[in-house]
Amino acid sequence: MTPLPDPAQGLEVDVRLVESLAAGIAAGEVQLVDCREEDEWRFNHLPGARWVPLSSFETGAAGLIDDGRPVVVYCHHGMRSMRATTWLRSRGLDRAWSMAGGIDEWSRRVDPEVPTY
């Protein structure tokens, strides 16, 4: 598994880095969180992702903080996941990142089989 960057270096990680974390996500070493809303989640989502919509993030994400494992959050383009990442870090989970460009970027650069909208 590719190591995650130093949290002090920023809030975002590239989709290619997230792709390289697939084994760690599957093994439960890294948590992958989709913070989009239900209709978006039903339309498409990444393998191994947990759904915690931003609209209920404060209650749904408490377990992420308590768990302590690294977290990568994604949304459609990266704005909501940046908010979620900032929220997680402000509550002590330093090893949290937003996937830059969101699932849209994933569809364009990693897996074109993931439908875009």
PDB file of N, CA and C in Angstrom:
ATOM      1  N   MET A   1       0.839  -1.174   0.000  1.00  0.00           N
ATOM      2  CA  MET A   1       0.000   0.000   0.000  1.00  0.00           C
ATOM      3  C   MET A   1       0.886   1.240   0.000  1.00  0.00           C
ATOM      4  N   THR A   2       0.536   2.191  -0.823  1.00  0.00           N
ATOM      5  CA  THR A   2       1.238   3.469  -0.878  1.00  0.00           C
ATOM      6  C   THR A   2       0.964   4.229   0.413  1.00  0.00           C
ATOM      7  N   PRO A   3       1.988   4.806   1.008  1.00  0.00           N
ATOM      8  CA  PRO A   3       1.737   5.566   2.236  1.00  0.00           C
ATOM      9  C   PRO A   3       0.978   6.862   1.957  1.00  0.00           C
ATOM     10  N   LEU A   4       0.188   7.248   2.916  1.00  0.00           N
ATOM     11  CA  LEU A   4      -0.523   8.513   2.827  1.00  0.00           C
ATOM     12  C   LEU A   4       0.441   9.645   3.145  1.00  0.00           C
ATOM     13  N   PRO A   5       0.176  10.834   2.617  1.00  0.00           N
ATOM     14  CA  PRO A   5       1.092  11.957   2.863  1.00  0.00           C
ATOM     15  C   PRO A   5       1.020  12.456   4.305  1.00  0.00           C
ATOM     16  N   ASP A   6       2.000  13.218   4.680  1.00  0.00           N
ATOM     17  CA  ASP A   6       2.003  13.891   5.974  1.00  0.00           C
ATOM     18  C   ASP A   6       0.788  14.823   6.005  1.00  0.00           C
ATOM     19  N   PRO A   7      -0.068  14.730   7.029  1.00  0.00           N
ATOM     20  CA  PRO A   7      -1.242  15.599   7.086  1.00  0.00           C
ATOM     21  C   PRO A   7      -0.904  17.086   7.039  1.00  0.00           C
ATOM     22  N   ALA A   8       0.264  17.453   7.489  1.00  0.00           N
ATOM     23  CA  ALA A   8       0.656  18.866   7.483  1.00  0.00           C
ATOM     24  C   ALA A   8       0.860  19.394   6.068  1.00  0.00           C
ATOM     25  N   GLN A   9       0.969  18.505   5.084  1.00  0.00           N
ATOM     26  CA  GLN A   9       1.204  18.917   3.703  1.00  0.00           C
ATOM     27  C   GLN A   9      -0.068  19.281   2.948  1.00  0.00           C
ATOM     28  N   GLY A  10      -1.214  19.159   3.584  1.00  0.00           N
ATOM     29  CA  GLY A  10      -2.449  19.562   2.919  1.00  0.00           C
ATOM     30  C   GLY A  10      -3.622  18.658   3.224  1.00  0.00           C
ATOM     31  N   LEU A  11      -4.770  19.078   2.719  1.00  0.00           N
ATOM     32  CA  LEU A  11      -6.025  18.372   2.978  1.00  0.00           C
ATOM     33  C   LEU A  11      -6.440  17.429   1.861  1.00  0.00           C
ATOM     34  N   GLU A  12      -5.766  17.511   0.700  1.00  0.00           N
ATOM     35  CA  GLU A  12      -6.205  16.724  -0.449  1.00  0.00           C
ATOM     36  C   GLU A  12      -5.188  15.664  -0.855  1.00  0.00           C
ATOM     37  N   VAL A  13      -5.721  14.582  -1.433  1.00  0.00           N
ATOM     38  CA  VAL A  13      -4.896  13.558  -2.072  1.00  0.00           C
ATOM     39  C   VAL A  13      -5.423  13.342  -3.484  1.00  0.00           C
ATOM     40  N   ASP A  14      -4.541  12.974  -4.367  1.00  0.00           N
ATOM     41  CA  ASP A  14      -4.864  12.742  -5.768  1.00  0.00           C
ATOM     42  C   ASP A  14      -5.606  11.412  -5.938  1.00  0.00           C
ATOM     43  N   VAL A  15      -6.444  11.333  -6.953  1.00  0.00           N
ATOM     44  CA  VAL A  15      -7.193  10.098  -7.217  1.00  0.00           C
ATOM     45  C   VAL A  15      -6.266   8.915  -7.473  1.00  0.00           C
ATOM     46  N   ARG A  16      -5.130   9.148  -8.070  1.00  0.00           N
ATOM     47  CA  ARG A  16      -4.189   8.050  -8.326  1.00  0.00           C
ATOM     48  C   ARG A  16      -3.629   7.498  -7.021  1.00  0.00           C
ATOM     49  N   LEU A  17      -3.419   8.360  -6.039  1.00  0.00           N
ATOM     50  CA  LEU A  17      -2.971   7.880  -4.739  1.00  0.00           C
ATOM     51  C   LEU A  17      -4.072   7.040  -4.103  1.00  0.00           C
ATOM     52  N   VAL A  18      -5.316   7.488  -4.205  1.00  0.00           N
ATOM     53  CA  VAL A  18      -6.431   6.717  -3.651  1.00  0.00           C
ATOM     54  C   VAL A  18      -6.534   5.373  -4.361  1.00  0.00           C
ATOM     55  N   GLU A  19      -6.332   5.367  -5.654  1.00  0.00           N
ATOM     56  CA  GLU A  19      -6.337   4.102  -6.405  1.00  0.00           C
ATOM     57  C   GLU A  19      -5.286   3.149  -5.841  1.00  0.00           C
ATOM     58  N   SER A  20      -4.120   3.668  -5.504  1.00  0.00           N
ATOM     59  CA  SER A  20      -3.043   2.828  -4.973  1.00  0.00           C
ATOM     60  C   SER A  20      -3.337   2.332  -3.557  1.00  0.00           C
ATOM     61  N   LEU A  21      -4.339   2.905  -2.908  1.00  0.00           N
ATOM     62  CA  LEU A  21      -4.723   2.490  -1.563  1.00  0.00           C
ATOM     63  C   LEU A  21      -5.781   1.385  -1.566  1.00  0.00           C
ATOM     64  N   ALA A  22      -6.155   0.894  -2.741  1.00  0.00           N
ATOM     65  CA  ALA A  22      -7.254  -0.073  -2.856  1.00  0.00           C
ATOM     66  C   ALA A  22      -7.082  -1.274  -1.927  1.00  0.00           C
ATOM     67  N   ALA A  23      -5.891  -1.827  -1.854  1.00  0.00           N
ATOM     68  CA  ALA A  23      -5.669  -2.987  -0.983  1.00  0.00           C
ATOM     69  C   ALA A  23      -5.848  -2.607   0.477  1.00  0.00           C
ATOM     70  N   GLY A  24      -5.363  -1.439   0.858  1.00  0.00           N
ATOM     71  CA  GLY A  24      -5.520  -0.973   2.230  1.00  0.00           C
ATOM     72  C   GLY A  24      -6.967  -0.687   2.573  1.00  0.00           C
ATOM     73  N   ILE A  25      -7.728  -0.202   1.605  1.00  0.00           N
ATOM     74  CA  ILE A  25      -9.157   0.046   1.816  1.00  0.00           C
ATOM     75  C   ILE A  25      -9.866  -1.293   1.982  1.00  0.00           C
ATOM     76  N   ALA A  26      -9.571  -2.242   1.101  1.00  0.00           N
ATOM     77  CA  ALA A  26     -10.193  -3.569   1.172  1.00  0.00           C
ATOM     78  C   ALA A  26      -9.846  -4.281   2.478  1.00  0.00           C
ATOM     79  N   ALA A  27      -8.617  -4.072   2.969  1.00  0.00           N
ATOM     80  CA  ALA A  27      -8.179  -4.714   4.209  1.00  0.00           C
ATOM     81  C   ALA A  27      -8.653  -3.971   5.454  1.00  0.00           C
ATOM     82  N   GLY A  28      -9.287  -2.822   5.258  1.00  0.00           N
ATOM     83  CA  GLY A  28      -9.774  -2.052   6.391  1.00  0.00           C
ATOM     84  C   GLY A  28      -8.728  -1.182   7.062  1.00  0.00           C
ATOM     85  N   GLU A  29      -7.589  -0.994   6.415  1.00  0.00           N
ATOM     86  CA  GLU A  29      -6.532  -0.151   6.985  1.00  0.00           C
ATOM     87  C   GLU A  29      -6.813   1.330   6.779  1.00  0.00           C
ATOM     88  N   VAL A  30      -7.558   1.644   5.721  1.00  0.00           N
ATOM     89  CA  VAL A  30      -7.932   3.015   5.382  1.00  0.00           C
ATOM     90  C   VAL A  30      -9.435   3.031   5.156  1.00  0.00           C
ATOM     91  N   GLN A  31     -10.095   4.044   5.695  1.00  0.00           N
ATOM     92  CA  GLN A  31     -11.528   4.193   5.496  1.00  0.00           C
ATOM     93  C   GLN A  31     -11.779   5.114   4.300  1.00  0.00           C
ATOM     94  N   LEU A  32     -12.631   4.681   3.389  1.00  0.00           N
ATOM     95  CA  LEU A  32     -13.036   5.481   2.241  1.00  0.00           C
ATOM     96  C   LEU A  32     -14.485   5.889   2.481  1.00  0.00           C
ATOM     97  N   VAL A  33     -14.747   7.199   2.468  1.00  0.00           N
ATOM     98  CA  VAL A  33     -16.072   7.707   2.809  1.00  0.00           C
ATOM     99  C   VAL A  33     -16.623   8.546   1.666  1.00  0.00           C
ATOM    100  N   ASP A  34     -17.833   8.221   1.254  1.00  0.00           N
ATOM    101  CA  ASP A  34     -18.569   8.986   0.254  1.00  0.00           C
ATOM    102  C   ASP A  34     -19.519   9.901   1.008  1.00  0.00           C
ATOM    103  N   CYS A  35     -19.344  11.213   0.865  1.00  0.00           N
ATOM    104  CA  CYS A  35     -20.184  12.158   1.615  1.00  0.00           C
ATOM    105  C   CYS A  35     -21.280  12.785   0.752  1.00  0.00           C
ATOM    106  N   ARG A  36     -21.561  12.184  -0.411  1.00  0.00           N
ATOM    107  CA  ARG A  36     -22.633  12.700  -1.261  1.00  0.00           C
ATOM    108  C   ARG A  36     -23.989  12.284  -0.697  1.00  0.00           C
ATOM    109  N   GLU A  37     -25.039  12.751  -1.314  1.00  0.00           N
ATOM    110  CA  GLU A  37     -26.391  12.436  -0.849  1.00  0.00           C
ATOM    111  C   GLU A  37     -26.870  11.100  -1.442  1.00  0.00           C
ATOM    112  N   GLU A  38     -27.978  10.606  -0.919  1.00  0.00           N
ATOM    113  CA  GLU A  38     -28.442   9.261  -1.226  1.00  0.00           C
ATOM    114  C   GLU A  38     -28.631   8.985  -2.713  1.00  0.00           C
ATOM    115  N   ASP A  39     -29.232   9.921  -3.454  1.00  0.00           N
ATOM    116  CA  ASP A  39     -29.444   9.675  -4.879  1.00  0.00           C
ATOM    117  C   ASP A  39     -28.118   9.554  -5.618  1.00  0.00           C
ATOM    118  N   GLU A  40     -27.126  10.312  -5.200  1.00  0.00           N
ATOM    119  CA  GLU A  40     -25.801  10.227  -5.820  1.00  0.00           C
ATOM    120  C   GLU A  40     -25.144   8.896  -5.478  1.00  0.00           C
ATOM    121  N   TRP A  41     -25.235   8.476  -4.227  1.00  0.00           N
ATOM    122  CA  TRP A  41     -24.669   7.204  -3.773  1.00  0.00           C
ATOM    123  C   TRP A  41     -25.284   6.043  -4.558  1.00  0.00           C
ATOM    124  N   ARG A  42     -26.610   6.088  -4.744  1.00  0.00           N
ATOM    125  CA  ARG A  42     -27.278   5.014  -5.483  1.00  0.00           C
ATOM    126  C   ARG A  42     -26.857   4.994  -6.949  1.00  0.00           C
ATOM    127  N   PHE A  43     -26.556   6.164  -7.515  1.00  0.00           N
ATOM    128  CA  PHE A  43     -26.155   6.251  -8.923  1.00  0.00           C
ATOM    129  C   PHE A  43     -24.787   5.605  -9.155  1.00  0.00           C
ATOM    130  N   ASN A  44     -23.841   5.907  -8.286  1.00  0.00           N
ATOM    131  CA  ASN A  44     -22.507   5.307  -8.377  1.00  0.00           C
ATOM    132  C   ASN A  44     -21.748   5.553  -7.082  1.00  0.00           C
ATOM    133  N   HIS A  45     -20.836   4.689  -6.771  1.00  0.00           N
ATOM    134  CA  HIS A  45     -19.924   4.883  -5.650  1.00  0.00           C
ATOM    135  C   HIS A  45     -18.731   3.948  -5.839  1.00  0.00           C
ATOM    136  N   LEU A  46     -17.677   4.223  -5.106  1.00  0.00           N
ATOM    137  CA  LEU A  46     -16.440   3.458  -5.257  1.00  0.00           C
ATOM    138  C   LEU A  46     -16.462   2.218  -4.373  1.00  0.00           C
ATOM    139  N   PRO A  47     -15.819   1.136  -4.834  1.00  0.00           N
ATOM    140  CA  PRO A  47     -15.762  -0.089  -4.040  1.00  0.00           C
ATOM    141  C   PRO A  47     -15.099   0.168  -2.686  1.00  0.00           C
ATOM    142  N   GLY A  48     -15.696  -0.399  -1.654  1.00  0.00           N
ATOM    143  CA  GLY A  48     -15.152  -0.284  -0.314  1.00  0.00           C
ATOM    144  C   GLY A  48     -15.535   0.984   0.414  1.00  0.00           C
ATOM    145  N   ALA A  49     -16.312   1.859  -0.247  1.00  0.00           N
ATOM    146  CA  ALA A  49     -16.697   3.128   0.381  1.00  0.00           C
ATOM    147  C   ALA A  49     -17.820   2.926   1.384  1.00  0.00           C
ATOM    148  N   ARG A  50     -17.784   3.759   2.389  1.00  0.00           N
ATOM    149  CA  ARG A  50     -18.852   3.854   3.388  1.00  0.00           C
ATOM    150  C   ARG A  50     -19.612   5.138   3.089  1.00  0.00           C
ATOM    151  N   TRP A  51     -20.930   5.097   3.191  1.00  0.00           N
ATOM    152  CA  TRP A  51     -21.748   6.258   2.883  1.00  0.00           C
ATOM    153  C   TRP A  51     -22.075   7.030   4.158  1.00  0.00           C
ATOM    154  N   VAL A  52     -21.599   8.273   4.229  1.00  0.00           N
ATOM    155  CA  VAL A  52     -21.910   9.191   5.329  1.00  0.00           C
ATOM    156  C   VAL A  52     -22.214  10.539   4.680  1.00  0.00           C
ATOM    157  N   PRO A  53     -23.477  10.819   4.372  1.00  0.00           N
ATOM    158  CA  PRO A  53     -23.806  12.058   3.662  1.00  0.00           C
ATOM    159  C   PRO A  53     -23.439  13.298   4.469  1.00  0.00           C
ATOM    160  N   LEU A  54     -22.984  14.311   3.772  1.00  0.00           N
ATOM    161  CA  LEU A  54     -22.580  15.547   4.431  1.00  0.00           C
ATOM    162  C   LEU A  54     -23.745  16.164   5.208  1.00  0.00           C
ATOM    163  N   SER A  55     -24.959  15.981   4.734  1.00  0.00           N
ATOM    164  CA  SER A  55     -26.128  16.553   5.408  1.00  0.00           C
ATOM    165  C   SER A  55     -26.331  15.997   6.819  1.00  0.00           C
ATOM    166  N   SER A  56     -25.757  14.840   7.103  1.00  0.00           N
ATOM    167  CA  SER A  56     -25.835  14.272   8.457  1.00  0.00           C
ATOM    168  C   SER A  56     -24.452  13.846   8.954  1.00  0.00           C
ATOM    169  N   PHE A  57     -23.443  14.562   8.482  1.00  0.00           N
ATOM    170  CA  PHE A  57     -22.061  14.167   8.763  1.00  0.00           C
ATOM    171  C   PHE A  57     -21.718  14.228  10.251  1.00  0.00           C
ATOM    172  N   GLU A  58     -22.210  15.237  10.941  1.00  0.00           N
ATOM    173  CA  GLU A  58     -21.860  15.381  12.358  1.00  0.00           C
ATOM    174  C   GLU A  58     -22.262  14.155  13.167  1.00  0.00           C
ATOM    175  N   THR A  59     -23.400  13.576  12.898  1.00  0.00           N
ATOM    176  CA  THR A  59     -23.810  12.385  13.639  1.00  0.00           C
ATOM    177  C   THR A  59     -23.235  11.118  13.018  1.00  0.00           C
ATOM    178  N   GLY A  60     -23.200  11.048  11.705  1.00  0.00           N
ATOM    179  CA  GLY A  60     -22.738   9.835  11.034  1.00  0.00           C
ATOM    180  C   GLY A  60     -21.244   9.609  11.070  1.00  0.00           C
ATOM    181  N   ALA A  61     -20.480  10.671  11.256  1.00  0.00           N
ATOM    182  CA  ALA A  61     -19.021  10.545  11.200  1.00  0.00           C
ATOM    183  C   ALA A  61     -18.367  10.351  12.559  1.00  0.00           C
ATOM    184  N   ALA A  62     -19.141  10.353  13.620  1.00  0.00           N
ATOM    185  CA  ALA A  62     -18.554  10.198  14.954  1.00  0.00           C
ATOM    186  C   ALA A  62     -17.725   8.916  15.051  1.00  0.00           C
ATOM    187  N   GLY A  63     -18.195   7.859  14.452  1.00  0.00           N
ATOM    188  CA  GLY A  63     -17.465   6.592  14.480  1.00  0.00           C
ATOM    189  C   GLY A  63     -16.133   6.653  13.752  1.00  0.00           C
ATOM    190  N   LEU A  64     -16.050   7.502  12.737  1.00  0.00           N
ATOM    191  CA  LEU A  64     -14.781   7.655  12.015  1.00  0.00           C
ATOM    192  C   LEU A  64     -13.714   8.231  12.934  1.00  0.00           C
ATOM    193  N   ILE A  65     -14.106   9.211  13.727  1.00  0.00           N
ATOM    194  CA  ILE A  65     -13.168   9.854  14.644  1.00  0.00           C
ATOM    195  C   ILE A  65     -12.753   8.871  15.733  1.00  0.00           C
ATOM    196  N   ASP A  66     -13.729   8.187  16.306  1.00  0.00           N
ATOM    197  CA  ASP A  66     -13.451   7.233  17.376  1.00  0.00           C
ATOM    198  C   ASP A  66     -12.574   6.083  16.892  1.00  0.00           C
ATOM    199  N   ASP A  67     -12.765   5.686  15.645  1.00  0.00           N
ATOM    200  CA  ASP A  67     -12.011   4.573  15.068  1.00  0.00           C
ATOM    201  C   ASP A  67     -10.527   4.895  14.954  1.00  0.00           C
ATOM    202  N   GLY A  68     -10.206   6.099  14.509  1.00  0.00           N
ATOM    203  CA  GLY A  68      -8.815   6.530  14.430  1.00  0.00           C
ATOM    204  C   GLY A  68      -8.048   6.120  13.182  1.00  0.00           C
ATOM    205  N   ARG A  69      -8.612   5.246  12.351  1.00  0.00           N
ATOM    206  CA  ARG A  69      -7.915   4.876  11.108  1.00  0.00           C
ATOM    207  C   ARG A  69      -7.927   6.045  10.140  1.00  0.00           C
ATOM    208  N   PRO A  70      -6.957   6.103   9.229  1.00  0.00           N
ATOM    209  CA  PRO A  70      -6.959   7.170   8.219  1.00  0.00           C
ATOM    210  C   PRO A  70      -8.248   7.137   7.403  1.00  0.00           C
ATOM    211  N   VAL A  71      -8.673   8.323   6.960  1.00  0.00           N
ATOM    212  CA  VAL A  71      -9.918   8.470   6.210  1.00  0.00           C
ATOM    213  C   VAL A  71      -9.653   9.284   4.948  1.00  0.00           C
ATOM    214  N   VAL A  72     -10.177   8.802   3.830  1.00  0.00           N
ATOM    215  CA  VAL A  72     -10.216   9.583   2.594  1.00  0.00           C
ATOM    216  C   VAL A  72     -11.686   9.777   2.265  1.00  0.00           C
ATOM    217  N   VAL A  73     -12.088  11.043   2.116  1.00  0.00           N
ATOM    218  CA  VAL A  73     -13.485  11.392   1.844  1.00  0.00           C
ATOM    219  C   VAL A  73     -13.584  11.865   0.395  1.00  0.00           C
ATOM    220  N   TYR A  74     -14.654  11.476  -0.279  1.00  0.00           N
ATOM    221  CA  TYR A  74     -14.886  11.983  -1.631  1.00  0.00           C
ATOM    222  C   TYR A  74     -16.346  12.381  -1.801  1.00  0.00           C
ATOM    223  N   CYS A  75     -16.561  13.223  -2.803  1.00  0.00           N
ATOM    224  CA  CYS A  75     -17.908  13.638  -3.187  1.00  0.00           C
ATOM    225  C   CYS A  75     -17.938  13.692  -4.717  1.00  0.00           C
ATOM    226  N   HIS A  76     -18.715  14.591  -5.283  1.00  0.00           N
ATOM    227  CA  HIS A  76     -18.810  14.690  -6.736  1.00  0.00           C
ATOM    228  C   HIS A  76     -17.574  15.357  -7.338  1.00  0.00           C
ATOM    229  N   HIS A  77     -17.222  16.551  -6.849  1.00  0.00           N
ATOM    230  CA  HIS A  77     -16.073  17.282  -7.397  1.00  0.00           C
ATOM    231  C   HIS A  77     -15.011  17.652  -6.365  1.00  0.00           C
ATOM    232  N   GLY A  78     -15.283  17.472  -5.090  1.00  0.00           N
ATOM    233  CA  GLY A  78     -14.278  17.742  -4.066  1.00  0.00           C
ATOM    234  C   GLY A  78     -14.592  18.859  -3.095  1.00  0.00           C
ATOM    235  N   MET A  79     -15.667  19.574  -3.298  1.00  0.00           N
ATOM    236  CA  MET A  79     -16.005  20.679  -2.399  1.00  0.00           C
ATOM    237  C   MET A  79     -16.587  20.161  -1.071  1.00  0.00           C
ATOM    238  N   ARG A  80     -17.569  19.288  -1.161  1.00  0.00           N
ATOM    239  CA  ARG A  80     -18.174  18.754   0.069  1.00  0.00           C
ATOM    240  C   ARG A  80     -17.190  17.901   0.843  1.00  0.00           C
ATOM    241  N   SER A  81     -16.385  17.128   0.132  1.00  0.00           N
ATOM    242  CA  SER A  81     -15.407  16.293   0.836  1.00  0.00           C
ATOM    243  C   SER A  81     -14.347  17.141   1.527  1.00  0.00           C
ATOM    244  N   MET A  82     -14.040  18.301   0.976  1.00  0.00           N
ATOM    245  CA  MET A  82     -13.109  19.214   1.642  1.00  0.00           C
ATOM    246  C   MET A  82     -13.734  19.726   2.945  1.00  0.00           C
ATOM    247  N   ARG A  83     -15.008  20.050   2.906  1.00  0.00           N
ATOM    248  CA  ARG A  83     -15.699  20.478   4.139  1.00  0.00           C
ATOM    249  C   ARG A  83     -15.706  19.352   5.168  1.00  0.00           C
ATOM    250  N   ALA A  84     -15.991  18.134   4.721  1.00  0.00           N
ATOM    251  CA  ALA A  84     -16.017  16.991   5.638  1.00  0.00           C
ATOM    252  C   ALA A  84     -14.631  16.737   6.230  1.00  0.00           C
ATOM    253  N   THR A  85     -13.606  16.838   5.413  1.00  0.00           N
ATOM    254  CA  THR A  85     -12.227  16.632   5.876  1.00  0.00           C
ATOM    255  C   THR A  85     -11.840  17.685   6.900  1.00  0.00           C
ATOM    256  N   THR A  86     -12.185  18.924   6.625  1.00  0.00           N
ATOM    257  CA  THR A  86     -11.903  20.008   7.570  1.00  0.00           C
ATOM    258  C   THR A  86     -12.619  19.747   8.888  1.00  0.00           C
ATOM    259  N   TRP A  87     -13.849  19.293   8.813  1.00  0.00           N
ATOM    260  CA  TRP A  87     -14.615  18.976  10.016  1.00  0.00           C
ATOM    261  C   TRP A  87     -13.933  17.852  10.806  1.00  0.00           C
ATOM    262  N   LEU A  88     -13.521  16.780  10.127  1.00  0.00           N
ATOM    263  CA  LEU A  88     -12.853  15.665  10.813  1.00  0.00           C
ATOM    264  C   LEU A  88     -11.562  16.122  11.491  1.00  0.00           C
ATOM    265  N   ARG A  89     -10.770  16.899  10.767  1.00  0.00           N
ATOM    266  CA  ARG A  89      -9.511  17.372  11.354  1.00  0.00           C
ATOM    267  C   ARG A  89      -9.756  18.296  12.540  1.00  0.00           C
ATOM    268  N   SER A  90     -10.790  19.107  12.471  1.00  0.00           N
ATOM    269  CA  SER A  90     -11.072  20.031  13.579  1.00  0.00           C
ATOM    270  C   SER A  90     -11.505  19.280  14.837  1.00  0.00           C
ATOM    271  N   ARG A  91     -11.868  18.022  14.676  1.00  0.00           N
ATOM    272  CA  ARG A  91     -12.265  17.195  15.811  1.00  0.00           C
ATOM    273  C   ARG A  91     -11.207  16.176  16.185  1.00  0.00           C
ATOM    274  N   GLY A  92      -9.991  16.389  15.698  1.00  0.00           N
ATOM    275  CA  GLY A  92      -8.860  15.584  16.141  1.00  0.00           C
ATOM    276  C   GLY A  92      -8.409  14.455  15.242  1.00  0.00           C
ATOM    277  N   LEU A  93      -9.115  14.201  14.140  1.00  0.00           N
ATOM    278  CA  LEU A  93      -8.673  13.139  13.233  1.00  0.00           C
ATOM    279  C   LEU A  93      -7.729  13.752  12.198  1.00  0.00           C
ATOM    280  N   ASP A  94      -6.461  13.826  12.545  1.00  0.00           N
ATOM    281  CA  ASP A  94      -5.477  14.474  11.681  1.00  0.00           C
ATOM    282  C   ASP A  94      -5.251  13.724  10.372  1.00  0.00           C
ATOM    283  N   ARG A  95      -5.423  12.420  10.389  1.00  0.00           N
ATOM    284  CA  ARG A  95      -5.180  11.630   9.183  1.00  0.00           C
ATOM    285  C   ARG A  95      -6.470  11.485   8.379  1.00  0.00           C
ATOM    286  N   ALA A  96      -6.973  12.634   7.902  1.00  0.00           N
ATOM    287  CA  ALA A  96      -8.155  12.694   7.048  1.00  0.00           C
ATOM    288  C   ALA A  96      -7.818  13.558   5.841  1.00  0.00           C
ATOM    289  N   TRP A  97      -8.233  13.110   4.665  1.00  0.00           N
ATOM    290  CA  TRP A  97      -7.962  13.827   3.417  1.00  0.00           C
ATOM    291  C   TRP A  97      -9.196  13.811   2.529  1.00  0.00           C
ATOM    292  N   SER A  98      -9.275  14.792   1.665  1.00  0.00           N
ATOM    293  CA  SER A  98     -10.295  14.873   0.635  1.00  0.00           C
ATOM    294  C   SER A  98      -9.681  14.392  -0.672  1.00  0.00           C
ATOM    295  N   MET A  99     -10.430  13.592  -1.428  1.00  0.00           N
ATOM    296  CA  MET A  99      -9.956  13.142  -2.736  1.00  0.00           C
ATOM    297  C   MET A  99     -10.197  14.261  -3.742  1.00  0.00           C
ATOM    298  N   ALA A 100      -9.131  14.854  -4.214  1.00  0.00           N
ATOM    299  CA  ALA A 100      -9.205  15.995  -5.139  1.00  0.00           C
ATOM    300  C   ALA A 100      -9.971  15.618  -6.411  1.00  0.00           C
ATOM    301  N   GLY A 101     -10.948  16.445  -6.759  1.00  0.00           N
ATOM    302  CA  GLY A 101     -11.712  16.226  -7.990  1.00  0.00           C
ATOM    303  C   GLY A 101     -12.885  15.289  -7.839  1.00  0.00           C
ATOM    304  N   GLY A 102     -12.975  14.589  -6.716  1.00  0.00           N
ATOM    305  CA  GLY A 102     -14.103  13.715  -6.430  1.00  0.00           C
ATOM    306  C   GLY A 102     -14.263  12.538  -7.374  1.00  0.00           C
ATOM    307  N   ILE A 103     -15.454  11.967  -7.342  1.00  0.00           N
ATOM    308  CA  ILE A 103     -15.730  10.788  -8.155  1.00  0.00           C
ATOM    309  C   ILE A 103     -15.719  11.124  -9.647  1.00  0.00           C
ATOM    310  N   ASP A 104     -15.968  12.389  -9.973  1.00  0.00           N
ATOM    311  CA  ASP A 104     -15.887  12.816 -11.364  1.00  0.00           C
ATOM    312  C   ASP A 104     -14.449  12.665 -11.885  1.00  0.00           C
ATOM    313  N   GLU A 105     -13.501  13.103 -11.096  1.00  0.00           N
ATOM    314  CA  GLU A 105     -12.079  12.963 -11.467  1.00  0.00           C
ATOM    315  C   GLU A 105     -11.684  11.491 -11.529  1.00  0.00           C
ATOM    316  N   TRP A 106     -12.210  10.688 -10.608  1.00  0.00           N
ATOM    317  CA  TRP A 106     -11.951   9.248 -10.597  1.00  0.00           C
ATOM    318  C   TRP A 106     -12.421   8.637 -11.923  1.00  0.00           C
ATOM    319  N   SER A 107     -13.618   9.028 -12.355  1.00  0.00           N
ATOM    320  CA  SER A 107     -14.175   8.503 -13.607  1.00  0.00           C
ATOM    321  C   SER A 107     -13.313   8.884 -14.807  1.00  0.00           C
ATOM    322  N   ARG A 108     -12.754  10.078 -14.781  1.00  0.00           N
ATOM    323  CA  ARG A 108     -11.944  10.543 -15.917  1.00  0.00           C
ATOM    324  C   ARG A 108     -10.528   9.975 -15.903  1.00  0.00           C
ATOM    325  N   ARG A 109      -9.921   9.820 -14.754  1.00  0.00           N
ATOM    326  CA  ARG A 109      -8.500   9.452 -14.705  1.00  0.00           C
ATOM    327  C   ARG A 109      -8.211   8.027 -14.260  1.00  0.00           C
ATOM    328  N   VAL A 110      -9.147   7.393 -13.564  1.00  0.00           N
ATOM    329  CA  VAL A 110      -8.869   6.060 -13.023  1.00  0.00           C
ATOM    330  C   VAL A 110      -9.742   4.991 -13.658  1.00  0.00           C
ATOM    331  N   ASP A 111     -11.047   5.174 -13.604  1.00  0.00           N
ATOM    332  CA  ASP A 111     -11.967   4.138 -14.078  1.00  0.00           C
ATOM    333  C   ASP A 111     -13.128   4.745 -14.863  1.00  0.00           C
ATOM    334  N   PRO A 112     -13.018   4.775 -16.199  1.00  0.00           N
ATOM    335  CA  PRO A 112     -14.085   5.360 -17.002  1.00  0.00           C
ATOM    336  C   PRO A 112     -15.389   4.554 -16.958  1.00  0.00           C
ATOM    337  N   GLU A 113     -15.370   3.375 -16.372  1.00  0.00           N
ATOM    338  CA  GLU A 113     -16.594   2.579 -16.223  1.00  0.00           C
ATOM    339  C   GLU A 113     -17.505   3.155 -15.128  1.00  0.00           C
ATOM    340  N   VAL A 114     -16.953   3.983 -14.252  1.00  0.00           N
ATOM    341  CA  VAL A 114     -17.771   4.620 -13.225  1.00  0.00           C
ATOM    342  C   VAL A 114     -18.525   5.748 -13.919  1.00  0.00           C
ATOM    343  N   PRO A 115     -19.860   5.674 -13.946  1.00  0.00           N
ATOM    344  CA  PRO A 115     -20.634   6.689 -14.681  1.00  0.00           C
ATOM    345  C   PRO A 115     -20.510   8.084 -14.081  1.00  0.00           C
ATOM    346  N   THR A 116     -20.555   9.070 -14.951  1.00  0.00           N
ATOM    347  CA  THR A 116     -20.509  10.462 -14.522  1.00  0.00           C
ATOM    348  C   THR A 116     -21.896  11.065 -14.625  1.00  0.00           C
ATOM    349  N   TYR A 117     -22.062  12.162 -13.960  1.00  0.00           N
ATOM    350  CA  TYR A 117     -23.345  12.884 -13.994  1.00  0.00           C
ATOM    351  C   TYR A 117     -23.111  14.359 -13.891  1.00  0.00           C
TER     352      TYR A 117
END
